[in-house]
Amino acid sequence: MKRFILCLMALVVASIMTSCELDIEVNGKDVELSNITIECIDETTISNNTSGDEPFTKHTYLCRGTICGYDGVCYIRVLHDNFIVHNNHELIIAGDVMPFEFTFAPEWEYLDEPYLNFIIEVYDEDNDTLLCKTTVVVTKHPDAPVVEPTDITYKEYTLYGSSCDWNLPDDYNNVIVVDSDEELARYIASESGESYPAVDFSKYTMIIAHGYSLNGISNKQIESFQSISATEIALNIAIYQDMTDVVEPWTIALLVDKWDRLYNIDLRVVYRDVIN
């Protein structure tokens, strides 16, 4: 989904963050809007097959901000080119600063533009006195740059040589990210009470990929482990099945340099039959 963000030139940003275009004193205070953001959170294609008009995109916007300098009931409306696109959002203000948020989704074809100026107005309880207003400019994000897949350095972690076994959820092809000994202990069992091979979680993050095969497994291997965007990682695994008619679980664990954030891991598993 395409995203929209608040995009203001430096001088406009400064004016919005400090004061509104119109401030009116009420009960000895200036009514003021601040920290206003408008973001597109959904897009829907609208088509009118009966009229034959070209389809257009309806955007659902989320408006957030704060208001201060007023006590009681007031109303917010949103305009574009002097047309009201959202009307009479009620706020009951009690305190110096009141945060608010609401959504609006005008179904007007002319609003399907890359740049839009929205005016936010605040009216008093009688809805006839304008207390404050400000303008925000909404624009599309630039298209994300194309990122070439990049190999991620890793080393495999194994329980081989110990009496420990994996104790993982009964999931079909899933990934678990582990960042501490306490977490890892939940996924390893040992009838003899033997400790599992130690991991220095101050240096490493562990990724455990696991699933099961509907046939016996003769081999398993990592075909690639790559960063495919700033937030996504692709883990490609091949499971080689023999002709044994038995359900068999599989697990592959990797250690990578300690992550400072979470990533979306796209696990792609290919099951290949080995014919003797």
Protein backbone atom coordinates (compact mmCIF):
# COMPACT_ATOMS: atom_id res chain seq x y z
CA MET A 1 0.00 0.00 0.00
CA LYS A 2 1.25 3.37 -0.85
CA ARG A 3 1.87 5.57 2.11
CA PHE A 4 1.27 9.26 2.62
CA ILE A 5 3.17 11.43 5.07
CA LEU A 6 3.17 14.95 6.29
CA CYS A 7 5.55 16.80 4.01
CA LEU A 8 6.20 20.46 4.78
CA MET A 9 8.86 22.91 3.79
CA ALA A 10 11.03 24.02 6.68
CA LEU A 11 9.30 27.34 7.22
CA VAL A 12 5.87 25.76 7.07
CA VAL A 13 6.90 23.10 9.58
CA ALA A 14 8.15 25.76 11.95
CA SER A 15 4.92 27.72 11.75
CA ILE A 16 2.70 24.67 12.31
CA MET A 17 4.68 23.40 15.27
CA THR A 18 4.60 26.76 17.02
CA SER A 19 1.24 28.30 16.21
CA CYS A 20 -1.85 28.09 14.03
CA GLU A 21 -2.69 30.32 11.12
CA LEU A 22 -5.55 31.64 13.22
CA ASP A 23 -5.46 31.83 17.02
CA ILE A 24 -8.45 33.18 18.96
CA GLU A 25 -8.32 34.01 22.65
CA VAL A 26 -10.95 32.12 24.67
CA ASN A 27 -11.17 32.58 28.44
CA GLY A 28 -7.78 34.27 28.47
CA LYS A 29 -6.05 31.51 26.45
CA ASP A 30 -5.08 31.10 22.82
CA VAL A 31 -6.68 28.06 21.21
CA GLU A 32 -3.89 26.28 19.37
CA LEU A 33 -3.35 23.19 17.23
CA SER A 34 0.07 21.51 17.20
CA ASN A 35 1.91 18.36 16.09
CA ILE A 36 -0.59 17.76 13.29
CA THR A 37 0.07 14.76 11.04
CA ILE A 38 -2.06 13.27 8.28
CA GLU A 39 -1.19 9.82 6.93
CA CYS A 40 -2.89 7.55 4.41
CA ILE A 41 -3.62 4.19 6.07
CA ASP A 42 -5.65 2.49 3.32
CA GLU A 43 -6.35 2.71 -0.40
CA THR A 44 -9.38 1.34 -2.25
CA THR A 45 -10.01 1.33 -5.98
CA ILE A 46 -13.38 2.88 -6.84
CA SER A 47 -14.93 2.10 -10.20
CA ASN A 48 -18.31 3.10 -11.59
CA ASN A 49 -19.14 0.51 -14.21
CA THR A 50 -22.52 2.04 -14.99
CA SER A 51 -21.14 5.45 -15.95
CA GLY A 52 -18.05 4.16 -17.70
CA ASP A 53 -15.77 6.53 -15.75
CA GLU A 54 -12.14 5.58 -15.19
CA PRO A 55 -11.43 3.93 -11.80
CA PHE A 56 -9.75 6.08 -9.16
CA THR A 57 -8.22 5.49 -5.72
CA LYS A 58 -10.05 6.44 -2.53
CA HIS A 59 -7.69 7.17 0.35
CA THR A 60 -8.45 6.69 4.04
CA TYR A 61 -6.51 9.20 6.14
CA LEU A 62 -5.53 9.19 9.79
CA CYS A 63 -5.27 12.66 11.34
CA ARG A 64 -3.45 13.10 14.65
CA GLY A 65 -2.54 16.13 16.71
CA THR A 66 -3.02 18.05 19.94
CA ILE A 67 -5.16 21.06 20.90
CA CYS A 68 -4.82 23.37 23.87
CA GLY A 69 -6.25 26.62 25.20
CA TYR A 70 -9.91 25.53 25.32
CA ASP A 71 -12.22 23.86 27.83
CA GLY A 72 -15.42 22.09 26.87
CA VAL A 73 -16.86 20.77 23.61
CA CYS A 74 -15.46 21.76 20.23
CA TYR A 75 -15.59 20.38 16.70
CA ILE A 76 -12.94 19.69 14.07
CA ARG A 77 -13.52 19.77 10.34
CA VAL A 78 -11.19 19.13 7.39
CA LEU A 79 -11.40 21.04 4.11
CA HIS A 80 -9.79 20.89 0.69
CA ASP A 81 -10.27 23.78 -1.78
CA ASN A 82 -13.07 25.12 0.45
CA PHE A 83 -14.94 21.80 0.28
CA ILE A 84 -15.56 19.99 3.56
CA VAL A 85 -14.13 16.46 3.37
CA HIS A 86 -14.72 15.65 7.06
CA ASN A 87 -17.13 17.44 9.35
CA ASN A 88 -18.03 17.77 13.03
CA HIS A 89 -15.54 15.50 14.74
CA GLU A 90 -16.40 16.18 18.38
CA LEU A 91 -13.80 16.74 21.08
CA ILE A 92 -14.46 17.21 24.78
CA ILE A 93 -11.42 19.01 26.16
CA ALA A 94 -10.52 18.99 29.83
CA GLY A 95 -6.97 20.03 30.54
CA ASP A 96 -4.17 22.07 29.09
CA VAL A 97 -3.26 19.78 26.17
CA MET A 98 -5.63 17.30 24.55
CA PRO A 99 -4.43 14.72 21.99
CA PHE A 100 -6.84 13.58 19.30
CA GLU A 101 -7.00 11.32 16.28
CA PHE A 102 -9.65 10.44 13.72
CA THR A 103 -9.97 9.01 10.22
CA PHE A 104 -11.67 10.37 7.14
CA ALA A 105 -12.13 8.86 3.68
CA PRO A 106 -13.59 11.18 1.02
CA GLU A 107 -14.80 9.35 -2.09
CA TRP A 108 -13.99 12.15 -4.52
CA GLU A 109 -12.06 11.46 -7.66
CA TYR A 110 -10.34 14.86 -7.73
CA LEU A 111 -8.62 14.02 -4.42
CA ASP A 112 -6.67 11.20 -6.09
CA GLU A 113 -3.64 13.43 -6.54
CA PRO A 114 0.01 13.16 -5.49
CA TYR A 115 -0.16 16.43 -3.50
CA LEU A 116 -3.05 17.69 -1.38
CA ASN A 117 -3.51 20.70 0.91
CA PHE A 118 -5.84 20.00 3.83
CA ILE A 119 -7.09 22.75 6.14
CA ILE A 120 -7.88 21.74 9.73
CA GLU A 121 -10.43 24.00 11.45
CA VAL A 122 -11.68 23.98 15.04
CA TYR A 123 -15.10 25.43 15.95
CA ASP A 124 -16.72 26.13 19.30
CA GLU A 125 -19.58 24.17 20.86
CA ASP A 126 -22.21 26.12 18.89
CA ASN A 127 -20.31 25.30 15.69
CA ASP A 128 -20.42 28.90 14.53
CA THR A 129 -17.17 30.47 15.85
CA LEU A 130 -13.87 29.50 14.26
CA LEU A 131 -11.33 29.07 17.04
CA CYS A 132 -8.23 27.90 15.19
CA LYS A 133 -7.06 26.53 11.87
CA THR A 134 -3.90 25.27 10.20
CA THR A 135 -2.84 23.76 6.89
CA VAL A 136 -0.95 20.57 6.16
CA VAL A 137 0.46 19.42 2.85
CA VAL A 138 0.22 15.68 2.20
CA THR A 139 2.38 14.03 -0.43
CA LYS A 140 3.27 10.53 -1.52
CA HIS A 141 6.41 8.81 -0.34
CA PRO A 142 8.97 8.45 -3.11
CA ASP A 143 9.09 4.91 -4.46
CA ALA A 144 11.37 2.71 -2.40
CA PRO A 145 14.72 2.13 -4.08
CA VAL A 146 15.34 -1.30 -5.55
CA VAL A 147 17.57 -3.29 -3.22
CA GLU A 148 19.71 -6.11 -4.54
CA PRO A 149 19.64 -9.22 -2.31
CA THR A 150 22.69 -9.36 -0.07
CA ASP A 151 24.07 -12.53 1.53
CA ILE A 152 24.04 -12.53 5.34
CA THR A 153 26.95 -14.14 7.15
CA TYR A 154 25.87 -16.87 9.56
CA LYS A 155 27.00 -20.06 11.24
CA GLU A 156 24.86 -23.06 12.00
CA TYR A 157 24.02 -24.07 15.56
CA THR A 158 23.50 -27.75 16.31
CA LEU A 159 22.65 -29.98 19.23
CA TYR A 160 24.66 -32.78 17.67
CA GLY A 161 26.94 -34.51 20.18
CA SER A 162 24.73 -33.72 23.17
CA SER A 163 21.78 -35.61 24.66
CA CYS A 164 19.54 -32.56 24.08
CA ASP A 165 16.64 -32.44 21.62
CA TRP A 166 14.65 -29.60 20.12
CA ASN A 167 11.31 -28.96 21.83
CA LEU A 168 9.53 -26.76 19.28
CA PRO A 169 5.88 -25.94 18.54
CA ASP A 170 4.14 -28.30 16.13
CA ASP A 171 4.17 -25.76 13.28
CA TYR A 172 4.50 -26.38 9.58
CA ASN A 173 7.41 -24.25 8.35
CA ASN A 174 7.92 -21.47 10.87
CA VAL A 175 10.71 -19.25 12.25
CA ILE A 176 11.56 -18.38 15.85
CA VAL A 177 13.99 -15.57 16.75
CA VAL A 178 15.84 -16.10 20.03
CA ASP A 179 17.82 -13.42 21.86
CA SER A 180 18.53 -14.88 25.31
CA ASP A 181 19.40 -18.09 27.17
CA GLU A 182 16.02 -17.94 28.91
CA GLU A 183 14.25 -18.03 25.55
CA LEU A 184 16.46 -20.77 24.13
CA ALA A 185 15.90 -22.99 27.19
CA ARG A 186 12.18 -23.12 26.35
CA TYR A 187 12.92 -24.77 23.01
CA ILE A 188 15.43 -27.43 24.14
CA ALA A 189 14.80 -30.53 26.24
CA SER A 190 17.17 -33.04 27.80
CA GLU A 191 16.06 -36.16 29.67
CA SER A 192 19.50 -36.49 31.26
CA GLY A 193 19.57 -32.83 32.32
CA GLU A 194 22.63 -32.15 30.19
CA SER A 195 23.19 -28.51 29.22
CA TYR A 196 22.83 -27.51 25.60
CA PRO A 197 25.78 -25.99 23.69
CA ALA A 198 26.27 -22.45 25.01
CA VAL A 199 25.50 -19.33 22.97
CA ASP A 200 26.84 -15.84 23.74
CA PHE A 201 23.68 -13.82 23.21
CA SER A 202 25.56 -10.57 23.80
CA LYS A 203 27.15 -11.23 20.39
CA TYR A 204 24.61 -13.35 18.53
CA THR A 205 20.95 -13.63 17.60
CA MET A 206 19.59 -17.10 16.84
CA ILE A 207 17.11 -17.92 14.09
CA ILE A 208 15.40 -21.31 14.41
CA ALA A 209 13.60 -22.54 11.28
CA HIS A 210 11.51 -25.66 11.76
CA GLY A 211 8.76 -27.74 10.23
CA TYR A 212 8.04 -31.31 9.23
CA SER A 213 8.07 -33.51 6.18
CA LEU A 214 5.41 -36.05 5.23
CA ASN A 215 8.20 -38.43 4.29
CA GLY A 216 11.51 -39.38 5.83
CA ILE A 217 14.31 -36.83 5.51
CA SER A 218 17.65 -37.79 3.96
CA ASN A 219 19.20 -34.32 4.06
CA LYS A 220 18.46 -30.65 4.68
CA GLN A 221 20.41 -27.54 3.73
CA ILE A 222 20.31 -23.76 3.61
CA GLU A 223 20.27 -22.65 -0.02
CA SER A 224 20.45 -18.92 0.71
CA PHE A 225 20.07 -16.45 3.58
CA GLN A 226 19.75 -12.91 2.23
CA SER A 227 18.67 -9.39 3.08
CA ILE A 228 16.09 -8.39 0.45
CA SER A 229 15.11 -4.98 1.86
CA ALA A 230 15.75 -2.75 4.86
CA THR A 231 13.24 -4.76 6.89
CA GLU A 232 13.00 -8.18 5.20
CA ILE A 233 15.18 -11.27 5.13
CA ALA A 234 14.67 -14.33 2.92
CA LEU A 235 15.70 -17.75 4.25
CA ASN A 236 15.61 -20.47 1.59
CA ILE A 237 15.84 -24.07 2.78
CA ALA A 238 15.78 -27.35 0.84
CA ILE A 239 14.50 -30.54 2.50
CA TYR A 240 15.40 -33.77 0.69
CA GLN A 241 12.83 -36.53 1.25
CA ASP A 242 13.33 -40.26 0.89
CA MET A 243 10.51 -42.68 0.12
CA THR A 244 9.88 -43.60 3.76
CA ASP A 245 6.20 -43.14 4.59
CA VAL A 246 6.66 -41.35 7.91
CA VAL A 247 6.14 -37.81 9.19
CA GLU A 248 9.50 -36.42 10.27
CA PRO A 249 10.29 -33.04 11.89
CA TRP A 250 13.24 -30.92 10.82
CA THR A 251 15.10 -28.02 12.45
CA ILE A 252 17.82 -25.66 11.24
CA ALA A 253 19.27 -23.07 13.64
CA LEU A 254 21.49 -20.15 12.62
CA LEU A 255 23.59 -17.68 14.56
CA VAL A 256 24.07 -14.17 13.16
CA ASP A 257 25.73 -11.06 14.54
CA LYS A 258 23.51 -9.56 17.23
CA TRP A 259 20.48 -7.77 15.76
CA ASP A 260 19.55 -4.35 17.09
CA ARG A 261 16.05 -4.64 15.64
CA LEU A 262 13.57 -7.28 14.46
CA TYR A 263 13.24 -8.23 10.80
CA ASN A 264 10.49 -9.90 8.83
CA ILE A 265 11.84 -13.31 7.87
CA ASP A 266 10.38 -14.87 4.75
CA LEU A 267 10.92 -18.62 5.15
CA ARG A 268 10.83 -20.45 1.83
CA VAL A 269 11.04 -24.24 2.05
CA VAL A 270 11.36 -26.54 -0.96
CA TYR A 271 10.72 -30.26 -0.51
CA ARG A 272 12.62 -32.43 -3.00
CA ASP A 273 12.22 -36.17 -3.49
CA VAL A 274 15.39 -38.25 -3.62
CA ILE A 275 14.97 -41.21 -5.93
CA ASN A 276 17.57 -43.96 -5.59
